[in-house]
Amino acid sequence: MRAIAFTALAFLTATAISGCSTRVADLTVASTKNFNLHSSAISTGKRVEGSDSVAIVLFPLGNPNLKTAIDRAVEKDRCAVGLSDVVINQEFFAFIFGYAEVNVKGNLIIDNEQPGCGGYAQDYRQQPPQNWQAPATSYSSRDQQLQQLQQQQGNLSYEEYQRRYRQIMGQ
């Protein structure tokens, strides 16, 4: 009888302290904000974490929201626009009372060209070669050059396309 009571108590204790944590996804980039991917002032910041959770009282009182978790992580820096090298985990613990939670960890993507972010964009830009000159083009010829570049896009590597685009735009 004592062995049965001890086994039942051990089972209840194990059930009460057990939880489940699952790795949901590994992402290269995650963001809930619109930002310019072609900005030359984008840099990587510190590693941050954000989470969203809901209580469980016999049954869940809602669903944890991934968007809220990402927003809470991104809001750790006012110039951040997203996360890179993102790991998303989901935790769950329920035994009469408990919680369900989504955790997001990632490196901040910081865009210093955003208003109010110090205007340090020049510090992050790559300096052009000494012999390079910005093309002196009018808007109509610039549009023509962009159209030609778009027609050649399938034949160019991504880096070459970006280099030519920046040259046309005078960046």
N, C-alpha and C. Protein backbone atom coordinates (compact mmCIF):
# COMPACT_ATOMS: atom_id res chain seq x y z
N MET A 1 0.82 -1.19 0.00
CA MET A 1 0.00 0.00 0.00
C MET A 1 0.87 1.26 0.00
N ARG A 2 1.91 1.23 0.79
CA ARG A 2 2.81 2.35 0.87
C ARG A 2 3.53 2.58 -0.47
N ALA A 3 3.88 1.51 -1.15
CA ALA A 3 4.55 1.60 -2.45
C ALA A 3 3.63 2.22 -3.49
N ILE A 4 2.36 1.87 -3.45
CA ILE A 4 1.40 2.44 -4.41
C ILE A 4 1.22 3.93 -4.15
N ALA A 5 1.12 4.34 -2.88
CA ALA A 5 0.97 5.75 -2.54
C ALA A 5 2.21 6.54 -2.96
N PHE A 6 3.40 5.96 -2.73
CA PHE A 6 4.64 6.62 -3.11
C PHE A 6 4.73 6.76 -4.63
N THR A 7 4.35 5.73 -5.36
CA THR A 7 4.37 5.75 -6.83
C THR A 7 3.38 6.80 -7.36
N ALA A 8 2.19 6.86 -6.77
CA ALA A 8 1.20 7.84 -7.20
C ALA A 8 1.69 9.26 -6.91
N LEU A 9 2.30 9.47 -5.74
CA LEU A 9 2.84 10.78 -5.39
C LEU A 9 3.98 11.17 -6.34
N ALA A 10 4.85 10.24 -6.65
CA ALA A 10 5.95 10.50 -7.58
C ALA A 10 5.41 10.85 -8.97
N PHE A 11 4.39 10.14 -9.41
CA PHE A 11 3.79 10.40 -10.72
C PHE A 11 3.15 11.79 -10.76
N LEU A 12 2.42 12.15 -9.70
CA LEU A 12 1.79 13.47 -9.64
C LEU A 12 2.84 14.59 -9.59
N THR A 13 3.91 14.36 -8.85
CA THR A 13 4.98 15.36 -8.76
C THR A 13 5.65 15.53 -10.12
N ALA A 14 5.96 14.43 -10.78
CA ALA A 14 6.59 14.51 -12.11
C ALA A 14 5.68 15.21 -13.10
N THR A 15 4.40 14.93 -13.03
CA THR A 15 3.44 15.57 -13.94
C THR A 15 3.33 17.06 -13.64
N ALA A 16 3.36 17.42 -12.37
CA ALA A 16 3.19 18.81 -11.98
C ALA A 16 4.38 19.67 -12.38
N ILE A 17 5.59 19.13 -12.38
CA ILE A 17 6.77 19.94 -12.69
C ILE A 17 7.24 19.78 -14.13
N SER A 18 6.59 18.93 -14.88
CA SER A 18 7.03 18.75 -16.26
C SER A 18 6.40 19.79 -17.16
N GLY A 19 7.10 20.13 -18.21
CA GLY A 19 6.61 21.06 -19.22
C GLY A 19 7.19 20.64 -20.55
N CYS A 20 6.82 21.35 -21.55
CA CYS A 20 7.28 21.00 -22.87
C CYS A 20 7.81 22.26 -23.54
N SER A 21 9.00 22.18 -24.09
CA SER A 21 9.57 23.28 -24.85
C SER A 21 9.95 22.73 -26.22
N THR A 22 9.50 23.39 -27.27
CA THR A 22 9.73 22.93 -28.62
C THR A 22 10.34 24.04 -29.45
N ARG A 23 11.38 23.69 -30.18
CA ARG A 23 11.97 24.64 -31.12
C ARG A 23 11.09 24.67 -32.36
N VAL A 24 10.50 25.81 -32.65
CA VAL A 24 9.54 25.93 -33.73
C VAL A 24 10.22 26.24 -35.06
N ALA A 25 11.15 27.20 -35.06
CA ALA A 25 11.78 27.61 -36.32
C ALA A 25 13.11 28.28 -36.08
N ASP A 26 13.97 28.21 -37.09
CA ASP A 26 15.20 28.99 -37.19
C ASP A 26 15.07 29.81 -38.47
N LEU A 27 15.12 31.13 -38.32
CA LEU A 27 14.93 32.02 -39.47
C LEU A 27 16.15 32.90 -39.67
N THR A 28 16.43 33.24 -40.90
CA THR A 28 17.53 34.15 -41.19
C THR A 28 17.15 35.58 -40.81
N VAL A 29 15.93 36.00 -41.19
CA VAL A 29 15.44 37.34 -40.89
C VAL A 29 13.98 37.26 -40.50
N ALA A 30 13.60 38.02 -39.48
CA ALA A 30 12.19 38.13 -39.09
C ALA A 30 11.92 39.59 -38.74
N SER A 31 10.84 40.12 -39.28
CA SER A 31 10.47 41.50 -38.98
C SER A 31 8.97 41.67 -39.17
N THR A 32 8.40 42.53 -38.36
CA THR A 32 6.99 42.89 -38.52
C THR A 32 6.87 44.33 -38.98
N LYS A 33 8.00 44.94 -39.32
CA LYS A 33 8.02 46.34 -39.74
C LYS A 33 8.49 46.44 -41.18
N ASN A 34 8.04 47.46 -41.88
CA ASN A 34 8.53 47.75 -43.22
C ASN A 34 9.86 48.48 -43.11
N PHE A 35 10.85 48.05 -43.89
CA PHE A 35 12.12 48.76 -43.91
C PHE A 35 12.80 48.57 -45.25
N ASN A 36 13.75 49.43 -45.55
CA ASN A 36 14.45 49.44 -46.81
C ASN A 36 15.59 48.42 -46.77
N LEU A 37 15.44 47.34 -47.52
CA LEU A 37 16.48 46.32 -47.56
C LEU A 37 17.75 46.82 -48.23
N HIS A 38 17.64 47.86 -49.05
CA HIS A 38 18.79 48.37 -49.79
C HIS A 38 19.50 49.49 -49.04
N SER A 39 19.09 49.76 -47.83
CA SER A 39 19.73 50.80 -47.04
C SER A 39 21.18 50.43 -46.77
N SER A 40 22.06 51.39 -46.94
CA SER A 40 23.47 51.12 -46.69
C SER A 40 23.83 51.34 -45.23
N ALA A 41 22.87 51.73 -44.42
CA ALA A 41 23.14 52.00 -43.00
C ALA A 41 22.59 50.91 -42.10
N ILE A 42 22.38 49.72 -42.63
CA ILE A 42 21.88 48.62 -41.81
C ILE A 42 23.06 47.92 -41.15
N SER A 43 22.93 47.67 -39.87
CA SER A 43 23.95 46.95 -39.13
C SER A 43 23.28 45.96 -38.18
N THR A 44 24.08 45.09 -37.62
CA THR A 44 23.57 44.09 -36.69
C THR A 44 23.87 44.54 -35.27
N GLY A 45 22.87 44.44 -34.41
CA GLY A 45 23.03 44.84 -33.02
C GLY A 45 23.16 43.65 -32.09
N LYS A 46 22.90 43.89 -30.82
CA LYS A 46 23.05 42.86 -29.79
C LYS A 46 21.94 41.81 -29.90
N ARG A 47 22.15 40.69 -29.26
CA ARG A 47 21.17 39.60 -29.24
C ARG A 47 20.11 39.94 -28.18
N VAL A 48 18.85 39.83 -28.57
CA VAL A 48 17.74 40.18 -27.69
C VAL A 48 16.72 39.05 -27.67
N GLU A 49 15.81 39.15 -26.73
CA GLU A 49 14.75 38.15 -26.58
C GLU A 49 13.42 38.85 -26.36
N GLY A 50 12.38 38.28 -26.92
CA GLY A 50 11.03 38.76 -26.71
C GLY A 50 10.11 37.58 -26.53
N SER A 51 9.01 37.77 -25.81
CA SER A 51 8.10 36.65 -25.59
C SER A 51 6.67 37.16 -25.43
N ASP A 52 5.74 36.25 -25.63
CA ASP A 52 4.33 36.51 -25.38
C ASP A 52 3.76 35.25 -24.76
N SER A 53 2.98 35.39 -23.71
CA SER A 53 2.45 34.21 -23.03
C SER A 53 0.99 34.43 -22.64
N VAL A 54 0.32 33.32 -22.41
CA VAL A 54 -1.06 33.34 -21.92
C VAL A 54 -1.17 32.34 -20.77
N ALA A 55 -2.08 32.62 -19.88
CA ALA A 55 -2.30 31.75 -18.72
C ALA A 55 -3.19 30.57 -19.10
N ILE A 56 -3.02 29.50 -18.34
CA ILE A 56 -3.88 28.33 -18.49
C ILE A 56 -4.49 28.05 -17.13
N VAL A 57 -5.80 28.06 -17.07
CA VAL A 57 -6.54 27.69 -15.88
C VAL A 57 -7.55 26.64 -16.33
N LEU A 58 -7.19 25.40 -16.17
CA LEU A 58 -7.92 24.25 -16.69
C LEU A 58 -7.86 24.19 -18.22
N PHE A 59 -7.99 25.32 -18.89
CA PHE A 59 -7.86 25.38 -20.35
C PHE A 59 -7.19 26.71 -20.70
N PRO A 60 -6.56 26.80 -21.87
CA PRO A 60 -5.86 28.04 -22.25
C PRO A 60 -6.82 29.23 -22.35
N LEU A 61 -6.38 30.38 -21.88
CA LEU A 61 -7.18 31.60 -21.92
C LEU A 61 -6.85 32.44 -23.15
N GLY A 62 -6.25 31.84 -24.15
CA GLY A 62 -5.90 32.53 -25.39
C GLY A 62 -4.75 31.80 -26.05
N ASN A 63 -4.18 32.43 -27.07
CA ASN A 63 -3.03 31.89 -27.78
C ASN A 63 -1.89 32.89 -27.72
N PRO A 64 -0.68 32.44 -27.45
CA PRO A 64 0.45 33.37 -27.52
C PRO A 64 0.65 33.82 -28.96
N ASN A 65 1.02 35.07 -29.15
CA ASN A 65 1.10 35.67 -30.48
C ASN A 65 2.57 35.86 -30.88
N LEU A 66 2.97 35.27 -32.01
CA LEU A 66 4.33 35.38 -32.50
C LEU A 66 4.68 36.82 -32.87
N LYS A 67 3.76 37.54 -33.48
CA LYS A 67 4.00 38.94 -33.86
C LYS A 67 4.32 39.79 -32.63
N THR A 68 3.58 39.57 -31.56
CA THR A 68 3.83 40.33 -30.32
C THR A 68 5.21 40.01 -29.77
N ALA A 69 5.60 38.74 -29.81
CA ALA A 69 6.92 38.35 -29.31
C ALA A 69 8.03 39.00 -30.13
N ILE A 70 7.89 39.01 -31.46
CA ILE A 70 8.90 39.65 -32.32
C ILE A 70 8.93 41.15 -32.06
N ASP A 71 7.77 41.79 -31.95
CA ASP A 71 7.71 43.23 -31.67
C ASP A 71 8.39 43.57 -30.35
N ARG A 72 8.17 42.77 -29.33
CA ARG A 72 8.79 43.04 -28.02
C ARG A 72 10.31 42.92 -28.10
N ALA A 73 10.81 42.01 -28.91
CA ALA A 73 12.26 41.89 -29.08
C ALA A 73 12.81 43.08 -29.87
N VAL A 74 12.15 43.45 -30.96
CA VAL A 74 12.62 44.54 -31.81
C VAL A 74 12.56 45.88 -31.07
N GLU A 75 11.60 46.06 -30.19
CA GLU A 75 11.43 47.33 -29.48
C GLU A 75 12.49 47.56 -28.40
N LYS A 76 13.44 46.67 -28.25
CA LYS A 76 14.52 46.88 -27.29
C LYS A 76 15.46 48.00 -27.75
N ASP A 77 15.44 48.32 -29.05
CA ASP A 77 16.23 49.42 -29.60
C ASP A 77 15.33 50.21 -30.54
N ARG A 78 15.29 51.53 -30.38
CA ARG A 78 14.34 52.32 -31.16
C ARG A 78 14.71 52.42 -32.63
N CYS A 79 15.94 52.09 -32.99
CA CYS A 79 16.35 52.13 -34.40
C CYS A 79 16.29 50.75 -35.04
N ALA A 80 15.87 49.75 -34.29
CA ALA A 80 15.81 48.39 -34.82
C ALA A 80 14.57 48.22 -35.70
N VAL A 81 14.74 47.44 -36.77
CA VAL A 81 13.64 47.20 -37.70
C VAL A 81 13.34 45.71 -37.85
N GLY A 82 14.14 44.86 -37.25
CA GLY A 82 13.91 43.42 -37.37
C GLY A 82 14.95 42.63 -36.59
N LEU A 83 14.94 41.32 -36.81
CA LEU A 83 15.87 40.41 -36.15
C LEU A 83 16.55 39.54 -37.20
N SER A 84 17.80 39.19 -36.95
CA SER A 84 18.50 38.23 -37.80
C SER A 84 18.92 37.04 -36.95
N ASP A 85 19.18 35.91 -37.60
CA ASP A 85 19.54 34.66 -36.91
C ASP A 85 18.54 34.36 -35.79
N VAL A 86 17.30 34.23 -36.16
CA VAL A 86 16.19 34.14 -35.21
C VAL A 86 15.92 32.68 -34.84
N VAL A 87 15.69 32.45 -33.55
CA VAL A 87 15.27 31.15 -33.04
C VAL A 87 13.93 31.35 -32.34
N ILE A 88 12.94 30.55 -32.73
CA ILE A 88 11.60 30.65 -32.15
C ILE A 88 11.32 29.36 -31.39
N ASN A 89 10.99 29.49 -30.10
CA ASN A 89 10.64 28.36 -29.25
C ASN A 89 9.24 28.55 -28.70
N GLN A 90 8.58 27.43 -28.46
CA GLN A 90 7.27 27.46 -27.83
C GLN A 90 7.34 26.62 -26.57
N GLU A 91 6.89 27.19 -25.45
CA GLU A 91 6.87 26.48 -24.17
C GLU A 91 5.43 26.28 -23.74
N PHE A 92 5.24 25.19 -23.02
CA PHE A 92 3.89 24.84 -22.58
C PHE A 92 4.00 24.10 -21.26
N PHE A 93 3.25 24.56 -20.30
CA PHE A 93 3.18 23.86 -19.02
C PHE A 93 1.74 23.97 -18.54
N ALA A 94 1.15 22.83 -18.24
CA ALA A 94 -0.24 22.86 -17.77
C ALA A 94 -0.51 21.68 -16.85
N PHE A 95 -0.90 21.98 -15.67
CA PHE A 95 -1.42 21.01 -14.72
C PHE A 95 -2.37 21.79 -13.83
N ILE A 96 -3.58 21.86 -14.19
CA ILE A 96 -4.63 22.69 -13.60
C ILE A 96 -4.33 24.17 -13.89
N PHE A 97 -3.17 24.67 -13.46
CA PHE A 97 -2.71 26.02 -13.77
C PHE A 97 -1.43 25.91 -14.58
N GLY A 98 -1.19 26.88 -15.42
CA GLY A 98 0.04 26.85 -16.20
C GLY A 98 0.11 28.02 -17.16
N TYR A 99 0.91 27.83 -18.22
CA TYR A 99 1.08 28.89 -19.21
C TYR A 99 1.47 28.29 -20.56
N ALA A 100 1.23 29.04 -21.59
CA ALA A 100 1.73 28.75 -22.94
C ALA A 100 2.48 30.00 -23.38
N GLU A 101 3.66 29.82 -23.97
CA GLU A 101 4.51 30.97 -24.27
C GLU A 101 5.26 30.76 -25.58
N VAL A 102 5.45 31.85 -26.32
CA VAL A 102 6.29 31.86 -27.52
C VAL A 102 7.49 32.75 -27.21
N ASN A 103 8.70 32.22 -27.39
CA ASN A 103 9.94 32.97 -27.16
C ASN A 103 10.65 33.19 -28.49
N VAL A 104 11.16 34.39 -28.69
CA VAL A 104 11.91 34.73 -29.89
C VAL A 104 13.26 35.30 -29.46
N LYS A 105 14.35 34.76 -30.03
CA LYS A 105 15.69 35.28 -29.77
C LYS A 105 16.33 35.59 -31.10
N GLY A 106 17.02 36.73 -31.18
CA GLY A 106 17.70 37.09 -32.42
C GLY A 106 18.56 38.32 -32.25
N ASN A 107 19.38 38.58 -33.27
CA ASN A 107 20.22 39.77 -33.29
C ASN A 107 19.42 40.91 -33.91
N LEU A 108 19.50 42.08 -33.31
CA LEU A 108 18.77 43.23 -33.83
C LEU A 108 19.31 43.64 -35.19
N ILE A 109 18.42 44.01 -36.10
CA ILE A 109 18.79 44.64 -37.36
C ILE A 109 18.51 46.12 -37.16
N ILE A 110 19.56 46.93 -37.21
CA ILE A 110 19.44 48.36 -36.91
C ILE A 110 19.62 49.16 -38.19
N ASP A 111 18.68 50.06 -38.46
CA ASP A 111 18.73 50.93 -39.63
C ASP A 111 18.96 52.35 -39.15
N ASN A 112 20.19 52.83 -39.30
CA ASN A 112 20.54 54.17 -38.82
C ASN A 112 20.05 55.29 -39.73
N GLU A 113 19.46 54.96 -40.87
CA GLU A 113 18.88 55.99 -41.73
C GLU A 113 17.47 56.37 -41.31
N GLN A 114 16.92 55.68 -40.34
CA GLN A 114 15.58 56.03 -39.88
C GLN A 114 15.60 57.38 -39.18
N PRO A 115 14.50 58.12 -39.26
CA PRO A 115 14.44 59.42 -38.58
C PRO A 115 14.68 59.27 -37.08
N GLY A 116 15.51 60.14 -36.55
CA GLY A 116 15.77 60.14 -35.12
C GLY A 116 16.80 59.12 -34.67
N CYS A 117 17.50 58.52 -35.61
CA CYS A 117 18.50 57.51 -35.24
C CYS A 117 19.91 58.05 -35.38
N GLY A 118 20.07 59.34 -35.24
CA GLY A 118 21.39 59.94 -35.19
C GLY A 118 21.94 60.38 -36.52
N GLY A 119 21.40 59.89 -37.62
CA GLY A 119 21.90 60.27 -38.92
C GLY A 119 23.33 59.85 -39.16
N TYR A 120 23.73 58.74 -38.61
CA TYR A 120 25.10 58.27 -38.76
C TYR A 120 25.26 57.37 -39.98
N ALA A 121 24.39 57.53 -40.94
CA ALA A 121 24.41 56.64 -42.11
C ALA A 121 25.75 56.68 -42.81
N GLN A 122 26.40 57.84 -42.87
CA GLN A 122 27.68 57.94 -43.58
C GLN A 122 28.74 57.07 -42.92
N ASP A 123 28.68 56.89 -41.62
CA ASP A 123 29.68 56.08 -40.92
C ASP A 123 29.60 54.62 -41.31
N TYR A 124 28.45 54.16 -41.74
CA TYR A 124 28.25 52.75 -42.03
C TYR A 124 28.38 52.43 -43.52
N ARG A 125 28.45 53.46 -44.34
CA ARG A 125 28.51 53.22 -45.78
C ARG A 125 29.93 52.86 -46.19
N GLN A 126 29.99 52.03 -47.20
CA GLN A 126 31.27 51.67 -47.77
C GLN A 126 31.75 52.84 -48.61
N GLN A 127 33.00 53.22 -48.45
CA GLN A 127 33.53 54.32 -49.22
C GLN A 127 33.81 53.86 -50.65
N PRO A 128 33.45 54.67 -51.66
CA PRO A 128 33.72 54.29 -53.04
C PRO A 128 35.22 54.33 -53.32
N PRO A 129 35.66 53.61 -54.35
CA PRO A 129 37.08 53.65 -54.72
C PRO A 129 37.51 55.07 -55.08
N GLN A 130 38.83 55.33 -55.02
CA GLN A 130 39.36 56.67 -55.27
C GLN A 130 39.01 57.18 -56.66
N ASN A 131 39.08 56.31 -57.67
CA ASN A 131 38.87 56.74 -59.05
C ASN A 131 37.40 56.72 -59.47
N TRP A 132 36.51 56.43 -58.58
CA TRP A 132 35.09 56.33 -58.91
C TRP A 132 34.45 57.71 -58.90
N GLN A 133 33.60 57.97 -59.88
CA GLN A 133 32.86 59.22 -59.93
C GLN A 133 31.39 58.92 -60.08
N ALA A 134 30.58 59.67 -59.41
CA ALA A 134 29.13 59.49 -59.53
C ALA A 134 28.71 59.91 -60.92
N PRO A 135 27.85 59.13 -61.56
CA PRO A 135 27.41 59.50 -62.90
C PRO A 135 26.57 60.78 -62.87
N ALA A 136 26.86 61.67 -63.79
CA ALA A 136 26.11 62.91 -63.90
C ALA A 136 25.00 62.68 -64.91
N THR A 137 23.87 62.17 -64.43
CA THR A 137 22.78 61.82 -65.34
C THR A 137 21.55 62.61 -64.96
N SER A 138 20.76 62.89 -65.96
CA SER A 138 19.48 63.52 -65.69
C SER A 138 18.49 62.43 -65.30
N TYR A 139 17.32 62.85 -64.83
CA TYR A 139 16.34 61.86 -64.40
C TYR A 139 15.85 61.00 -65.54
N SER A 140 15.70 61.57 -66.74
CA SER A 140 15.20 60.77 -67.86
C SER A 140 16.23 59.71 -68.26
N SER A 141 17.52 60.08 -68.31
CA SER A 141 18.51 59.06 -68.67
C SER A 141 18.69 58.06 -67.53
N ARG A 142 18.50 58.50 -66.31
CA ARG A 142 18.58 57.58 -65.17
C ARG A 142 17.47 56.54 -65.27
N ASP A 143 16.28 56.99 -65.63
CA ASP A 143 15.17 56.04 -65.81
C ASP A 143 15.47 55.05 -66.92
N GLN A 144 16.07 55.55 -68.00
CA GLN A 144 16.44 54.65 -69.10
C GLN A 144 17.47 53.63 -68.64
N GLN A 145 18.45 54.08 -67.86
CA GLN A 145 19.48 53.17 -67.36
C GLN A 145 18.86 52.12 -66.43
N LEU A 146 17.92 52.53 -65.61
CA LEU A 146 17.25 51.58 -64.72
C LEU A 146 16.45 50.56 -65.51
N GLN A 147 15.79 51.00 -66.58
CA GLN A 147 15.04 50.06 -67.42
C GLN A 147 15.98 49.06 -68.08
N GLN A 148 17.13 49.54 -68.57
CA GLN A 148 18.10 48.62 -69.17
C GLN A 148 18.62 47.63 -68.13
N LEU A 149 18.87 48.12 -66.95
CA LEU A 149 19.36 47.24 -65.88
C LEU A 149 18.33 46.18 -65.53
N GLN A 150 17.07 46.55 -65.46
CA GLN A 150 16.02 45.58 -65.16
C GLN A 150 15.91 44.53 -66.25
N GLN A 151 16.15 44.91 -67.50
CA GLN A 151 16.11 43.94 -68.59
C GLN A 151 17.27 42.96 -68.49
N GLN A 152 18.41 43.39 -67.97
CA GLN A 152 19.59 42.55 -67.83
C GLN A 152 19.60 41.78 -66.52
N GLN A 153 18.66 42.00 -65.65
CA GLN A 153 18.67 41.45 -64.30
C GLN A 153 18.87 39.94 -64.26
N GLY A 154 18.25 39.21 -65.17
CA GLY A 154 18.37 37.75 -65.17
C GLY A 154 19.76 37.26 -65.51
N ASN A 155 20.57 38.08 -66.19
CA ASN A 155 21.91 37.68 -66.61
C ASN A 155 22.99 38.11 -65.63
N LEU A 156 22.64 38.88 -64.62
CA LEU A 156 23.63 39.41 -63.68
C LEU A 156 23.51 38.72 -62.32
N SER A 157 24.64 38.65 -61.61
CA SER A 157 24.59 38.17 -60.23
C SER A 157 23.95 39.26 -59.38
N TYR A 158 23.52 38.89 -58.19
CA TYR A 158 22.88 39.84 -57.29
C TYR A 158 23.83 40.98 -56.95
N GLU A 159 25.09 40.65 -56.66
CA GLU A 159 26.06 41.67 -56.28
C GLU A 159 26.32 42.65 -57.43
N GLU A 160 26.45 42.11 -58.66
CA GLU A 160 26.68 42.97 -59.82
C GLU A 160 25.47 43.87 -60.07
N TYR A 161 24.28 43.32 -59.93
CA TYR A 161 23.06 44.11 -60.09
C TYR A 161 23.03 45.25 -59.08
N GLN A 162 23.34 44.94 -57.82
CA GLN A 162 23.34 45.96 -56.77
C GLN A 162 24.40 47.03 -57.04
N ARG A 163 25.59 46.59 -57.49
CA ARG A 163 26.66 47.54 -57.79
C ARG A 163 26.23 48.51 -58.89
N ARG A 164 25.65 47.99 -59.97
CA ARG A 164 25.22 48.84 -61.08
C ARG A 164 24.06 49.76 -60.66
N TYR A 165 23.16 49.22 -59.85
CA TYR A 165 22.04 50.04 -59.37
C TYR A 165 22.56 51.22 -58.55
N ARG A 166 23.49 50.95 -57.65
CA ARG A 166 24.06 52.03 -56.83
C ARG A 166 24.80 53.05 -57.69
N GLN A 167 25.48 52.57 -58.72
CA GLN A 167 26.20 53.48 -59.60
C GLN A 167 25.22 54.39 -60.34
N ILE A 168 24.13 53.83 -60.83
CA ILE A 168 23.12 54.64 -61.53
C ILE A 168 22.50 55.66 -60.58
N MET A 169 22.22 55.24 -59.36
CA MET A 169 21.55 56.12 -58.39
C MET A 169 22.51 57.11 -57.75
N GLY A 170 23.82 56.96 -58.01
CA GLY A 170 24.80 57.89 -57.46
C GLY A 170 25.12 57.65 -56.01
N GLN A 171 25.00 56.42 -55.56
CA GLN A 171 25.28 56.09 -54.15
C GLN A 171 26.67 55.53 -54.02
